[in-house]
N, C-alpha and C. Protein backbone atom coordinates (compact mmCIF):
# COMPACT_ATOMS: atom_id res chain seq x y z
N MET A 1 100.56 294.17 86.76
CA MET A 1 101.31 294.70 85.59
C MET A 1 102.56 293.84 85.23
N ASN A 2 102.45 293.94 83.86
CA ASN A 2 103.68 293.06 83.64
C ASN A 2 105.08 293.50 83.52
N GLN A 3 105.76 292.71 83.84
CA GLN A 3 107.52 293.16 83.96
C GLN A 3 108.15 292.93 82.67
N TYR A 4 108.67 294.15 82.23
CA TYR A 4 109.61 294.02 80.73
C TYR A 4 110.94 294.07 81.39
N VAL A 5 111.69 293.27 80.37
CA VAL A 5 113.11 293.17 80.58
C VAL A 5 113.66 294.14 79.40
N PRO A 6 114.78 295.01 79.84
CA PRO A 6 115.55 295.63 78.81
C PRO A 6 116.37 294.88 78.15
N SER A 7 116.74 295.28 76.84
CA SER A 7 117.58 294.82 75.87
C SER A 7 118.07 295.76 74.79
N VAL A 8 119.16 295.46 74.14
CA VAL A 8 119.46 296.26 73.09
C VAL A 8 119.87 295.58 71.78
N GLY A 9 119.38 296.07 70.62
CA GLY A 9 119.44 295.63 69.41
C GLY A 9 119.76 296.50 68.36
N ARG A 10 120.15 296.18 66.99
CA ARG A 10 120.67 297.08 66.04
C ARG A 10 119.74 297.00 64.79
N ILE A 11 119.41 298.26 64.22
CA ILE A 11 118.46 298.35 63.08
C ILE A 11 119.22 297.84 61.99
N ARG A 12 118.47 297.04 61.04
CA ARG A 12 118.88 296.31 59.74
C ARG A 12 117.80 296.56 58.77
N TYR A 13 118.12 297.17 57.67
CA TYR A 13 117.21 297.21 56.43
C TYR A 13 117.23 296.08 55.56
N SER A 14 116.14 295.57 54.94
CA SER A 14 116.26 294.51 53.82
C SER A 14 117.08 293.41 54.44
N PRO A 15 116.86 292.98 55.30
CA PRO A 15 117.74 291.82 55.77
C PRO A 15 118.12 290.48 55.21
N LYS A 16 118.91 289.93 55.21
CA LYS A 16 119.45 288.78 54.47
C LYS A 16 119.08 287.58 55.75
N ARG A 17 118.48 286.39 55.10
CA ARG A 17 118.07 285.34 55.84
C ARG A 17 119.26 284.50 56.34
N LEU A 18 118.97 283.32 57.04
CA LEU A 18 120.06 282.54 57.29
C LEU A 18 120.18 281.88 55.83
N GLY A 19 121.23 281.43 55.48
CA GLY A 19 121.54 280.75 54.21
C GLY A 19 121.70 282.04 53.12
N ASP A 20 121.64 283.35 53.21
CA ASP A 20 121.94 284.59 52.59
C ASP A 20 121.07 284.72 51.68
N TYR A 21 119.83 284.51 51.88
CA TYR A 21 118.88 284.67 50.75
C TYR A 21 118.36 286.23 51.18
N VAL A 22 118.33 287.16 49.98
CA VAL A 22 118.05 288.37 50.30
C VAL A 22 116.48 288.69 50.43
N SER A 23 116.12 289.39 51.35
CA SER A 23 114.62 289.52 51.61
C SER A 23 113.97 290.41 50.51
N GLU A 24 112.80 290.61 50.48
CA GLU A 24 112.28 291.64 49.61
C GLU A 24 112.28 293.04 49.91
N ASN A 25 112.15 293.97 49.46
CA ASN A 25 112.53 295.24 49.63
C ASN A 25 111.30 295.76 50.73
N TRP A 26 111.62 296.69 51.46
CA TRP A 26 110.63 297.38 52.78
C TRP A 26 110.67 296.47 53.97
N TRP A 27 111.68 295.87 54.15
CA TRP A 27 111.71 295.02 55.45
C TRP A 27 112.84 295.63 56.42
N LEU A 28 112.32 296.09 57.42
CA LEU A 28 113.14 296.76 58.56
C LEU A 28 112.90 295.84 59.76
N VAL A 29 114.02 295.44 60.34
CA VAL A 29 114.13 294.53 61.71
C VAL A 29 115.20 295.01 62.64
N VAL A 30 115.04 294.62 63.66
CA VAL A 30 116.06 294.90 64.55
C VAL A 30 116.68 293.60 65.04
N ASP A 31 117.93 293.53 64.98
CA ASP A 31 118.71 292.08 65.19
C ASP A 31 118.76 292.21 66.72
N CYS A 32 118.49 291.19 67.36
CA CYS A 32 118.56 291.17 68.92
C CYS A 32 119.46 290.03 69.42
N ASP A 33 120.00 290.07 70.82
CA ASP A 33 120.69 289.24 71.24
C ASP A 33 120.38 287.93 71.02
N PRO A 34 121.45 287.00 70.31
CA PRO A 34 121.07 285.62 70.03
C PRO A 34 120.75 284.89 71.48
N GLU A 35 121.46 285.22 72.17
CA GLU A 35 121.26 284.37 73.79
C GLU A 35 119.75 284.40 74.12
N ILE A 36 119.08 285.46 73.76
CA ILE A 36 117.36 285.48 74.29
C ILE A 36 116.96 284.15 73.59
N GLY A 37 116.94 284.22 72.20
CA GLY A 37 116.40 283.14 71.51
C GLY A 37 117.03 281.63 72.08
N ARG A 38 118.29 281.72 72.26
CA ARG A 38 118.78 280.21 72.43
C ARG A 38 118.24 280.11 73.94
N TYR A 39 118.05 280.95 74.90
CA TYR A 39 117.48 280.70 76.10
C TYR A 39 116.26 279.80 75.93
N TYR A 40 115.20 280.62 75.43
CA TYR A 40 113.93 280.53 75.16
C TYR A 40 113.70 279.14 74.45
N ARG A 41 114.58 279.03 73.41
CA ARG A 41 114.61 277.69 72.49
C ARG A 41 114.97 276.67 73.56
N HIS A 42 115.74 276.74 74.43
CA HIS A 42 116.40 275.73 75.24
C HIS A 42 115.12 275.22 76.22
N LEU A 43 114.66 276.35 76.79
CA LEU A 43 113.24 275.99 77.72
C LEU A 43 112.24 275.28 76.89
N PHE A 44 112.17 275.78 75.69
CA PHE A 44 110.88 274.92 74.88
C PHE A 44 111.53 273.74 74.72
N TRP A 45 112.38 273.56 74.20
CA TRP A 45 113.07 271.96 74.01
C TRP A 45 112.71 271.20 75.22
N LEU A 46 113.22 271.64 76.61
CA LEU A 46 113.26 270.81 77.70
C LEU A 46 111.61 270.47 77.95
N SER A 47 110.56 271.78 77.74
CA SER A 47 109.04 271.63 78.01
C SER A 47 108.35 270.42 77.28
N THR A 48 109.08 270.29 76.04
CA THR A 48 108.57 269.01 75.33
C THR A 48 109.14 267.60 75.63
N HIS A 49 110.05 267.58 76.80
CA HIS A 49 110.92 266.45 77.17
C HIS A 49 111.67 266.07 76.03
N LYS A 50 112.36 267.08 75.33
CA LYS A 50 113.46 266.86 74.42
C LYS A 50 112.90 266.12 73.11
N THR A 51 111.39 266.12 72.94
CA THR A 51 111.05 265.60 71.82
C THR A 51 110.61 266.49 70.64
N TYR A 52 110.98 267.63 70.76
CA TYR A 52 110.81 268.81 69.55
C TYR A 52 111.63 269.72 69.69
N ARG A 53 112.57 269.59 68.43
CA ARG A 53 113.52 270.68 68.36
C ARG A 53 113.05 271.76 67.83
N PRO A 54 113.17 273.08 68.52
CA PRO A 54 112.83 274.25 67.90
C PRO A 54 114.01 274.81 67.03
N TRP A 55 113.48 275.88 66.24
CA TRP A 55 114.19 276.11 64.94
C TRP A 55 114.28 277.44 65.10
N ARG A 56 115.62 278.07 64.69
CA ARG A 56 115.94 279.61 64.71
C ARG A 56 115.24 280.42 63.73
N PRO A 57 114.69 281.35 63.85
CA PRO A 57 113.88 282.01 62.92
C PRO A 57 115.10 282.41 61.59
N LYS A 58 114.44 282.52 60.26
CA LYS A 58 115.43 282.63 59.17
C LYS A 58 116.11 283.93 59.34
N TRP A 59 115.77 285.02 60.07
CA TRP A 59 116.33 286.02 60.31
C TRP A 59 116.87 286.21 61.48
N ARG A 60 117.09 285.41 62.19
CA ARG A 60 117.49 285.02 63.42
C ARG A 60 116.67 285.77 64.41
N GLU A 61 117.08 286.14 65.66
CA GLU A 61 116.30 286.78 66.66
C GLU A 61 116.09 288.12 66.31
N HIS A 62 114.91 288.46 66.05
CA HIS A 62 114.61 289.75 65.52
C HIS A 62 113.01 290.62 65.82
N ILE A 63 113.00 291.66 65.83
CA ILE A 63 112.03 292.41 66.11
C ILE A 63 111.63 292.91 64.54
N SER A 64 110.45 292.65 64.00
CA SER A 64 109.82 293.12 62.78
C SER A 64 109.52 294.50 63.06
N VAL A 65 109.81 295.56 62.31
CA VAL A 65 109.48 296.98 62.56
C VAL A 65 108.47 297.30 61.22
N CYS A 66 109.15 297.02 60.00
CA CYS A 66 108.45 297.18 58.91
C CYS A 66 108.21 295.79 57.92
N ARG A 67 107.16 295.22 57.92
CA ARG A 67 106.93 294.10 57.06
C ARG A 67 106.51 294.17 55.78
N ASN A 68 107.45 294.43 54.83
CA ASN A 68 107.23 294.53 53.45
C ASN A 68 106.18 295.79 53.19
N GLU A 69 106.07 297.03 53.73
CA GLU A 69 105.33 297.93 53.72
C GLU A 69 105.92 299.03 52.76
N THR A 70 105.43 299.37 51.92
CA THR A 70 106.11 300.62 51.26
C THR A 70 106.05 301.75 51.66
N PRO A 71 107.09 302.46 52.39
CA PRO A 71 106.87 303.73 52.97
C PRO A 71 106.54 304.88 52.07
N GLN A 72 106.13 305.97 52.67
CA GLN A 72 105.46 307.08 51.82
C GLN A 72 106.81 308.01 51.47
N ASN A 73 107.80 307.97 52.82
CA ASN A 73 109.01 308.75 52.71
C ASN A 73 110.23 308.00 52.39
N ARG A 74 110.37 307.39 51.18
CA ARG A 74 111.30 306.63 50.70
C ARG A 74 112.77 307.36 50.91
N SER A 75 112.75 308.38 50.62
CA SER A 75 113.99 309.25 50.74
C SER A 75 114.75 309.06 51.95
N ILE A 76 114.13 308.79 53.24
CA ILE A 76 114.80 308.38 54.38
C ILE A 76 115.11 307.08 54.86
N TRP A 77 114.85 305.87 54.01
CA TRP A 77 114.73 304.48 53.99
C TRP A 77 116.34 304.40 54.38
N GLU A 78 116.64 303.82 55.20
CA GLU A 78 118.02 303.28 55.73
C GLU A 78 118.55 304.43 56.56
N ALA A 79 117.88 305.36 56.82
CA ALA A 79 118.54 306.43 57.93
C ALA A 79 118.76 306.01 59.03
N HIS A 80 118.44 304.96 59.43
CA HIS A 80 118.94 304.49 60.99
C HIS A 80 119.65 303.25 60.72
N ALA A 81 120.10 303.04 59.61
CA ALA A 81 120.91 301.72 59.32
C ALA A 81 121.83 301.63 60.50
N GLY A 82 122.01 300.34 61.21
CA GLY A 82 123.04 300.21 62.18
C GLY A 82 123.07 300.71 63.46
N LYS A 83 121.98 301.57 63.67
CA LYS A 83 121.69 302.38 64.91
C LYS A 83 121.35 301.26 66.04
N LYS A 84 122.02 301.52 67.16
CA LYS A 84 121.46 300.47 68.24
C LYS A 84 120.40 301.14 68.99
N VAL A 85 119.38 300.41 69.36
CA VAL A 85 117.90 300.86 70.06
C VAL A 85 117.94 299.92 71.43
N ILE A 86 117.38 300.61 72.37
CA ILE A 86 117.05 300.02 73.54
C ILE A 86 115.42 299.66 73.48
N PHE A 87 115.13 298.59 73.83
CA PHE A 87 113.84 297.97 73.71
C PHE A 87 113.52 297.29 74.96
N PHE A 88 112.29 297.02 75.37
CA PHE A 88 111.91 296.11 76.42
C PHE A 88 111.11 295.00 75.92
N TYR A 89 111.33 293.82 76.49
CA TYR A 89 110.46 292.78 76.15
C TYR A 89 109.91 292.21 77.48
N GLU A 90 108.61 291.33 77.04
CA GLU A 90 108.11 290.79 78.36
C GLU A 90 108.40 289.34 78.33
N PRO A 91 108.93 288.64 79.32
CA PRO A 91 109.44 287.36 79.29
C PRO A 91 108.81 286.27 79.25
N MET A 92 107.43 286.43 79.11
CA MET A 92 106.19 285.30 78.78
C MET A 92 106.02 285.13 77.33
N PRO A 93 106.55 284.15 76.84
CA PRO A 93 106.47 283.81 75.24
C PRO A 93 105.05 283.50 74.98
N LYS A 94 104.66 283.82 73.67
CA LYS A 94 103.43 283.73 73.04
C LYS A 94 103.72 282.69 71.86
N THR A 95 102.53 282.27 71.25
CA THR A 95 102.65 281.45 69.65
C THR A 95 101.54 281.28 69.36
N ASN A 96 101.79 281.15 68.01
CA ASN A 96 100.64 280.73 67.15
C ASN A 96 100.57 279.39 66.57
N GLY A 97 101.61 278.64 67.12
CA GLY A 97 101.80 277.18 66.44
C GLY A 97 102.93 277.17 65.49
N THR A 98 103.25 278.25 64.72
CA THR A 98 104.23 278.15 64.06
C THR A 98 105.54 279.05 64.46
N TYR A 99 105.09 280.15 65.08
CA TYR A 99 106.10 280.98 65.40
C TYR A 99 105.90 281.27 66.95
N TRP A 100 107.15 281.53 67.67
CA TRP A 100 107.14 282.06 69.27
C TRP A 100 107.68 283.13 69.21
N TRP A 101 107.21 284.01 70.09
CA TRP A 101 107.72 285.41 70.28
C TRP A 101 107.48 286.01 71.74
N LEU A 102 108.15 287.31 72.00
CA LEU A 102 108.09 288.06 72.88
C LEU A 102 107.55 289.26 72.78
N ASP A 103 106.35 289.90 73.22
CA ASP A 103 105.99 291.19 73.19
C ASP A 103 106.89 292.22 73.47
N VAL A 104 107.05 293.20 72.60
CA VAL A 104 108.07 294.27 72.59
C VAL A 104 107.63 295.52 72.92
N GLN A 105 108.04 296.77 73.71
CA GLN A 105 107.62 297.99 73.70
C GLN A 105 108.87 298.85 73.38
N CYS A 106 108.83 299.77 72.44
CA CYS A 106 109.78 300.43 71.96
C CYS A 106 109.38 301.88 71.08
N GLU A 107 109.29 302.72 71.94
CA GLU A 107 108.71 304.18 71.31
C GLU A 107 109.65 304.34 69.96
N LEU A 108 110.91 304.40 70.31
CA LEU A 108 111.73 304.81 68.92
C LEU A 108 111.28 304.13 67.65
N LEU A 109 110.87 302.78 67.73
CA LEU A 109 110.96 301.87 66.67
C LEU A 109 109.32 302.49 66.08
N LEU A 110 108.45 302.80 67.03
CA LEU A 110 107.10 303.46 66.47
C LEU A 110 107.57 304.62 65.76
N ASP A 111 108.37 305.65 66.35
CA ASP A 111 108.65 307.09 65.80
C ASP A 111 109.24 306.59 64.45
N ILE A 112 110.20 305.57 64.28
CA ILE A 112 110.88 305.53 63.10
C ILE A 112 109.68 305.02 61.89
N ARG A 113 108.69 304.35 62.23
CA ARG A 113 107.52 304.08 61.48
C ARG A 113 106.75 305.21 61.15
N GLU A 114 106.65 306.06 61.90
CA GLU A 114 105.82 307.34 61.69
C GLU A 114 106.75 308.11 60.75
N GLU A 115 108.03 308.11 60.86
CA GLU A 115 108.88 309.09 60.01
C GLU A 115 108.80 308.58 58.60
N LEU A 116 108.81 307.13 58.46
CA LEU A 116 108.60 306.53 57.20
C LEU A 116 107.35 306.80 56.48
N GLY A 117 106.40 307.44 57.10
CA GLY A 117 105.02 307.84 56.50
C GLY A 117 103.96 306.54 56.88
N LEU A 118 104.49 305.57 57.73
CA LEU A 118 103.70 304.36 57.83
C LEU A 118 102.70 304.53 59.14
N PRO A 119 101.70 303.69 59.30
CA PRO A 119 100.97 303.79 60.49
C PRO A 119 101.78 303.47 61.90
N ARG A 120 101.66 304.14 62.95
CA ARG A 120 102.65 304.14 64.26
C ARG A 120 102.43 302.71 64.76
N GLN A 121 101.22 302.11 64.59
CA GLN A 121 101.23 300.84 65.22
C GLN A 121 101.36 299.97 63.90
N PRO A 122 101.97 298.89 63.98
CA PRO A 122 102.15 297.96 62.72
C PRO A 122 100.85 296.97 62.98
N GLU A 123 100.82 296.25 61.99
CA GLU A 123 99.68 295.32 61.77
C GLU A 123 99.74 294.30 62.86
N TYR A 124 100.73 293.56 63.16
CA TYR A 124 101.25 292.69 64.16
C TYR A 124 101.94 293.81 65.12
N PRO A 125 101.37 293.89 66.54
CA PRO A 125 102.31 294.51 67.35
C PRO A 125 103.88 294.10 67.54
N LEU A 126 104.52 294.98 67.87
CA LEU A 126 106.20 294.91 68.02
C LEU A 126 106.32 293.57 68.86
N HIS A 127 107.11 292.68 68.37
CA HIS A 127 107.39 291.45 69.27
C HIS A 127 108.89 290.88 68.73
N LEU A 128 109.57 290.25 69.56
CA LEU A 128 110.79 289.45 69.40
C LEU A 128 110.43 287.98 68.82
N THR A 129 110.93 287.88 67.75
CA THR A 129 110.80 286.33 67.28
C THR A 129 111.72 285.70 67.62
N PHE A 130 111.65 284.35 68.29
CA PHE A 130 112.98 283.65 68.77
C PHE A 130 112.77 282.21 68.18
N CYS A 131 111.50 281.81 67.62
CA CYS A 131 111.58 280.50 67.34
C CYS A 131 110.40 280.00 66.25
N ARG A 132 110.75 279.18 65.40
CA ARG A 132 109.69 278.81 64.57
C ARG A 132 109.69 277.24 64.28
N ARG A 133 108.52 276.70 63.87
CA ARG A 133 108.21 275.45 63.51
C ARG A 133 109.39 275.13 62.19
N GLY A 134 109.95 274.06 62.37
CA GLY A 134 110.66 273.56 61.14
C GLY A 134 109.97 273.29 60.03
N THR A 135 110.60 273.11 58.82
CA THR A 135 110.21 272.86 57.55
C THR A 135 111.07 271.63 57.19
N ASP A 136 110.75 270.69 55.97
CA ASP A 136 111.32 269.50 55.46
C ASP A 136 112.59 270.27 54.98
N GLU A 137 112.73 271.53 54.35
CA GLU A 137 113.86 272.17 54.00
C GLU A 137 115.11 272.27 55.11
N ASP A 138 114.56 272.56 56.28
CA ASP A 138 115.35 272.69 57.54
C ASP A 138 116.09 271.33 57.86
N PHE A 139 115.14 270.42 57.94
CA PHE A 139 115.69 268.93 58.08
C PHE A 139 116.67 268.68 57.27
N GLU A 140 116.73 269.03 55.66
CA GLU A 140 117.48 268.72 54.85
C GLU A 140 118.89 269.32 55.13
N HIS A 141 118.92 270.69 55.61
CA HIS A 141 120.01 271.37 55.89
C HIS A 141 120.47 271.64 57.40
N GLN A 142 119.89 270.83 57.99
CA GLN A 142 120.14 270.98 59.64
C GLN A 142 120.24 272.46 60.03
N ASN A 143 119.22 273.16 59.58
CA ASN A 143 119.13 274.61 60.14
C ASN A 143 118.67 274.79 61.81
N PHE A 144 118.45 273.57 62.42
CA PHE A 144 117.95 273.95 63.67
C PHE A 144 119.12 274.30 64.58
N ALA A 145 118.67 275.12 65.82
CA ALA A 145 119.59 275.60 66.64
C ALA A 145 119.15 275.77 67.91
N LEU A 146 119.76 275.59 68.90
CA LEU A 146 119.42 275.76 70.35
C LEU A 146 119.90 276.93 70.85
């Protein structure tokens, strides 16, 4: 059985990315403790013998709850804005080579998806994104962060 770690985040609708770019409509994320990301990015950096610098996600450490999915119940969009939420994450990181994340469990976030008229389970299961592969733009603007 996997051991999950509890944490707290805050719900944010239509988030701004690092650099204050406004996202498209119908994005709902949970802002997570930045120390979680800093810790895992540092471990990743050490695991590469300090040869690969990990990059902070453009939406910082976050859980994507709604990924530009148009809700059926638009009248309750932003009903949970700013609300604190307790979630549990699995401490073993996963990657697809571009992003690194931790699996998340949180019944409240799945309930919110249902309230919005979305399928309970998102296309990609709930996860906390803490790292991504950098781009040329990142190198120009020095957006890296441990």
